[in-house]
Amino acid sequence: MKLCHETSGGLTCAIPSSKTIQFSERVDRVFSPKKALFTGLYDCGRAPASAGGRGFSLIEMLVALVVLSLSLGALYQAAMGATRNVRVAAEYTDAVMLAESMLANHGYITEQNYGASGQFGQYDWQVSSWPADYQDGLDKEQRAVAPQPLQYVEVVVSWPGPNAPRSLDLITVVPLQEVVD
């Protein structure tokens, strides 16, 4: 049952006591305490005058807040993952630079089965060597003028990680040289 209807002169509402009231302004746009008496009668399929017909309901606001919080949570996780990846990449870069520096310092080995270790900041390093077996196919005369024997040199750099220790392993081949006094 419609109690109000629009006319060319404004909004006309019927009161149950069979009186008719003519409003010159639209009730859904203007709200005043005088007209508050008639808002319960305004049943024309629109929102009540106090809501203005243009606002959001409480459930819509709650849904919007849930969507907003879920999206912000996902963005926060993505940002944290990116920050963690940058930190891990920086740690690996430092470890590679340390390992390459150790290889450069051990460009040749003066004794077989050489070993050394140390620490640099949070990084522990170890250098070890062992003979490189190779078949050169040379006879004794050719071997007298052949280059020095070769050694494998391995550098292992390790550092603590969040769940387990991390490590980096570089290996190369260098000549075995006699110590010159």
Protein backbone atom coordinates (compact mmCIF):
# COMPACT_ATOMS: atom_id res chain seq x y z
CA MET A 1 0.00 0.00 0.00
CA LYS A 2 1.52 3.27 -1.08
CA LEU A 3 0.92 6.05 1.34
CA CYS A 4 2.76 8.74 -0.61
CA HIS A 5 2.86 9.63 -4.27
CA GLU A 6 4.46 12.34 -6.30
CA THR A 7 2.40 14.97 -7.99
CA SER A 8 3.35 17.96 -10.10
CA GLY A 9 3.16 20.10 -6.98
CA GLY A 10 5.43 17.92 -4.85
CA LEU A 11 4.82 14.87 -2.67
CA THR A 12 1.37 14.02 -1.37
CA CYS A 13 1.07 11.72 1.66
CA ALA A 14 -2.09 10.24 3.15
CA ILE A 15 -2.39 9.96 6.90
CA PRO A 16 -4.52 7.09 8.27
CA SER A 17 -7.03 9.60 9.67
CA SER A 18 -7.89 10.34 6.01
CA LYS A 19 -6.12 13.72 5.97
CA THR A 20 -3.89 14.54 3.03
CA ILE A 21 -0.76 16.66 3.41
CA GLN A 22 0.96 18.35 0.48
CA PHE A 23 4.77 18.86 0.67
CA SER A 24 6.28 21.39 -1.66
CA GLU A 25 9.75 19.82 -1.36
CA ARG A 26 10.79 16.24 -1.96
CA VAL A 27 10.93 14.38 1.34
CA ASP A 28 13.78 12.16 0.21
CA ARG A 29 16.01 15.18 -0.36
CA VAL A 30 15.13 17.50 2.49
CA PHE A 31 14.70 16.36 6.06
CA SER A 32 13.61 18.51 8.96
CA PRO A 33 12.21 17.74 12.42
CA LYS A 34 8.74 18.85 11.27
CA LYS A 35 8.70 16.29 8.50
CA ALA A 36 10.13 13.57 10.76
CA LEU A 37 6.60 12.82 11.89
CA PHE A 38 5.75 11.64 8.38
CA THR A 39 8.87 9.61 7.59
CA GLY A 40 7.25 6.41 8.84
CA LEU A 41 4.46 6.96 6.31
CA TYR A 42 6.83 7.45 3.41
CA ASP A 43 6.56 4.00 1.80
CA CYS A 44 7.09 4.70 -1.88
CA GLY A 45 9.80 2.07 -2.44
CA ARG A 46 12.62 4.49 -1.66
CA ALA A 47 14.99 4.86 1.27
CA PRO A 48 13.70 6.86 4.23
CA ALA A 49 14.18 10.58 4.24
CA SER A 50 16.78 10.45 7.04
CA ALA A 51 19.11 8.33 4.87
CA GLY A 52 18.73 10.74 2.00
CA GLY A 53 18.28 7.81 -0.39
CA ARG A 54 21.91 8.13 -1.45
CA GLY A 55 23.92 6.65 1.44
CA PHE A 56 25.32 3.19 2.05
CA SER A 57 23.79 0.66 4.36
CA LEU A 58 25.69 -0.77 7.29
CA ILE A 59 26.15 -4.13 5.56
CA GLU A 60 27.60 -2.42 2.48
CA MET A 61 30.07 -0.54 4.66
CA LEU A 62 31.08 -3.76 6.44
CA VAL A 63 31.61 -5.56 3.14
CA ALA A 64 33.70 -2.64 1.87
CA LEU A 65 35.83 -2.70 5.03
CA VAL A 66 36.36 -6.47 4.74
CA VAL A 67 37.44 -6.14 1.09
CA LEU A 68 39.74 -3.26 2.00
CA SER A 69 41.34 -5.16 4.90
CA LEU A 70 41.88 -8.28 2.77
CA SER A 71 43.50 -6.29 -0.02
CA LEU A 72 45.71 -4.37 2.41
CA GLY A 73 46.75 -7.66 4.02
CA ALA A 74 47.74 -9.05 0.62
CA LEU A 75 49.70 -5.89 -0.19
CA TYR A 76 51.46 -6.08 3.18
CA GLN A 77 52.47 -9.70 2.55
CA ALA A 78 53.77 -8.82 -0.92
CA ALA A 79 55.82 -5.91 0.45
CA MET A 80 57.27 -8.09 3.22
CA GLY A 81 58.17 -10.81 0.71
CA ALA A 82 59.92 -8.29 -1.53
CA THR A 83 61.86 -6.86 1.42
CA ARG A 84 62.93 -10.36 2.49
CA ASN A 85 64.05 -11.18 -1.06
CA VAL A 86 66.14 -8.00 -1.25
CA ARG A 87 67.84 -8.87 2.07
CA VAL A 88 68.63 -12.44 0.96
CA ALA A 89 69.96 -11.19 -2.39
CA ALA A 90 72.24 -8.73 -0.57
CA GLU A 91 73.54 -11.55 1.67
CA TYR A 92 74.30 -13.75 -1.35
CA THR A 93 76.02 -10.84 -3.11
CA ASP A 94 78.26 -10.25 -0.09
CA ALA A 95 79.03 -13.99 0.13
CA VAL A 96 79.97 -14.15 -3.57
CA MET A 97 82.25 -11.12 -3.23
CA LEU A 98 83.97 -12.68 -0.21
CA ALA A 99 84.39 -16.04 -1.99
CA GLU A 100 85.79 -14.39 -5.13
CA SER A 101 88.17 -12.37 -2.97
CA MET A 102 89.39 -15.59 -1.32
CA LEU A 103 89.90 -17.21 -4.75
CA ALA A 104 91.85 -14.16 -5.93
CA ASN A 105 94.05 -14.35 -2.80
CA HIS A 106 94.73 -18.01 -3.57
CA GLY A 107 95.60 -17.64 -7.24
CA TYR A 108 98.26 -20.30 -6.76
CA ILE A 109 98.90 -22.89 -4.05
CA THR A 110 102.32 -23.55 -2.50
CA GLU A 111 101.52 -26.88 -0.86
CA GLN A 112 99.25 -29.80 -1.65
CA ASN A 113 96.10 -30.27 0.46
CA TYR A 114 96.19 -26.66 1.64
CA GLY A 115 93.52 -25.45 4.06
CA ALA A 116 92.61 -22.16 5.72
CA SER A 117 89.56 -20.71 7.41
CA GLY A 118 88.36 -17.49 8.96
CA GLN A 119 85.48 -15.19 9.61
CA PHE A 120 84.41 -11.91 8.06
CA GLY A 121 81.42 -10.27 9.76
CA GLN A 122 78.61 -12.81 9.86
CA TYR A 123 80.30 -14.94 7.17
CA ASP A 124 82.52 -17.95 7.92
CA TRP A 125 84.84 -19.04 5.11
CA GLN A 126 87.03 -22.06 4.39
CA VAL A 127 89.62 -22.57 1.65
CA SER A 128 90.84 -26.06 0.81
CA SER A 129 92.83 -27.60 -2.04
CA TRP A 130 93.57 -31.07 -3.42
CA PRO A 131 95.47 -32.36 -6.45
CA ALA A 132 93.72 -32.22 -9.81
CA ASP A 133 94.15 -35.56 -11.52
CA TYR A 134 94.60 -35.29 -15.24
CA GLN A 135 96.17 -37.37 -17.91
CA ASP A 136 98.37 -35.24 -20.09
CA GLY A 137 99.73 -38.10 -22.23
CA LEU A 138 103.29 -36.74 -21.99
CA ASP A 139 106.37 -38.92 -21.72
CA LYS A 140 109.16 -38.21 -19.18
CA GLU A 141 111.14 -35.84 -21.45
CA GLN A 142 108.09 -33.73 -22.26
CA ARG A 143 106.93 -33.72 -18.66
CA ALA A 144 110.23 -32.11 -17.57
CA VAL A 145 109.26 -28.96 -19.45
CA ALA A 146 105.50 -29.25 -18.81
CA PRO A 147 103.71 -26.72 -16.61
CA GLN A 148 103.33 -27.23 -12.88
CA PRO A 149 100.77 -29.68 -11.52
CA LEU A 150 97.32 -28.29 -10.87
CA GLN A 151 95.29 -28.07 -7.65
CA TYR A 152 91.56 -27.70 -7.13
CA VAL A 153 90.81 -24.80 -4.80
CA GLU A 154 87.42 -24.67 -3.11
CA VAL A 155 86.05 -21.74 -1.13
CA VAL A 156 82.99 -22.33 1.06
CA VAL A 157 81.27 -19.30 2.61
CA SER A 158 78.48 -19.90 5.14
CA TRP A 159 76.28 -17.61 7.19
CA PRO A 160 73.20 -17.98 9.41
CA GLY A 161 69.77 -17.96 7.76
CA PRO A 162 66.33 -17.62 9.35
CA ASN A 163 65.61 -21.38 9.36
CA ALA A 164 68.90 -23.05 8.44
CA PRO A 165 72.45 -21.94 7.66
CA ARG A 166 73.10 -20.80 4.11
CA SER A 167 76.25 -21.49 2.18
CA LEU A 168 77.98 -20.74 -1.10
CA ASP A 169 80.59 -22.98 -2.70
CA LEU A 170 83.03 -21.83 -5.44
CA ILE A 171 85.69 -24.02 -6.97
CA THR A 172 88.51 -23.41 -9.47
CA VAL A 173 91.81 -24.91 -10.62
CA VAL A 174 95.15 -23.21 -9.87
CA PRO A 175 98.81 -24.22 -10.35
CA LEU A 176 100.89 -25.71 -7.55
CA GLN A 177 104.02 -23.55 -7.21
CA GLU A 178 107.13 -23.98 -5.13
CA VAL A 179 107.88 -21.44 -2.48
CA VAL A 180 110.63 -19.06 -3.56
CA ASP A 181 112.87 -17.87 -0.70
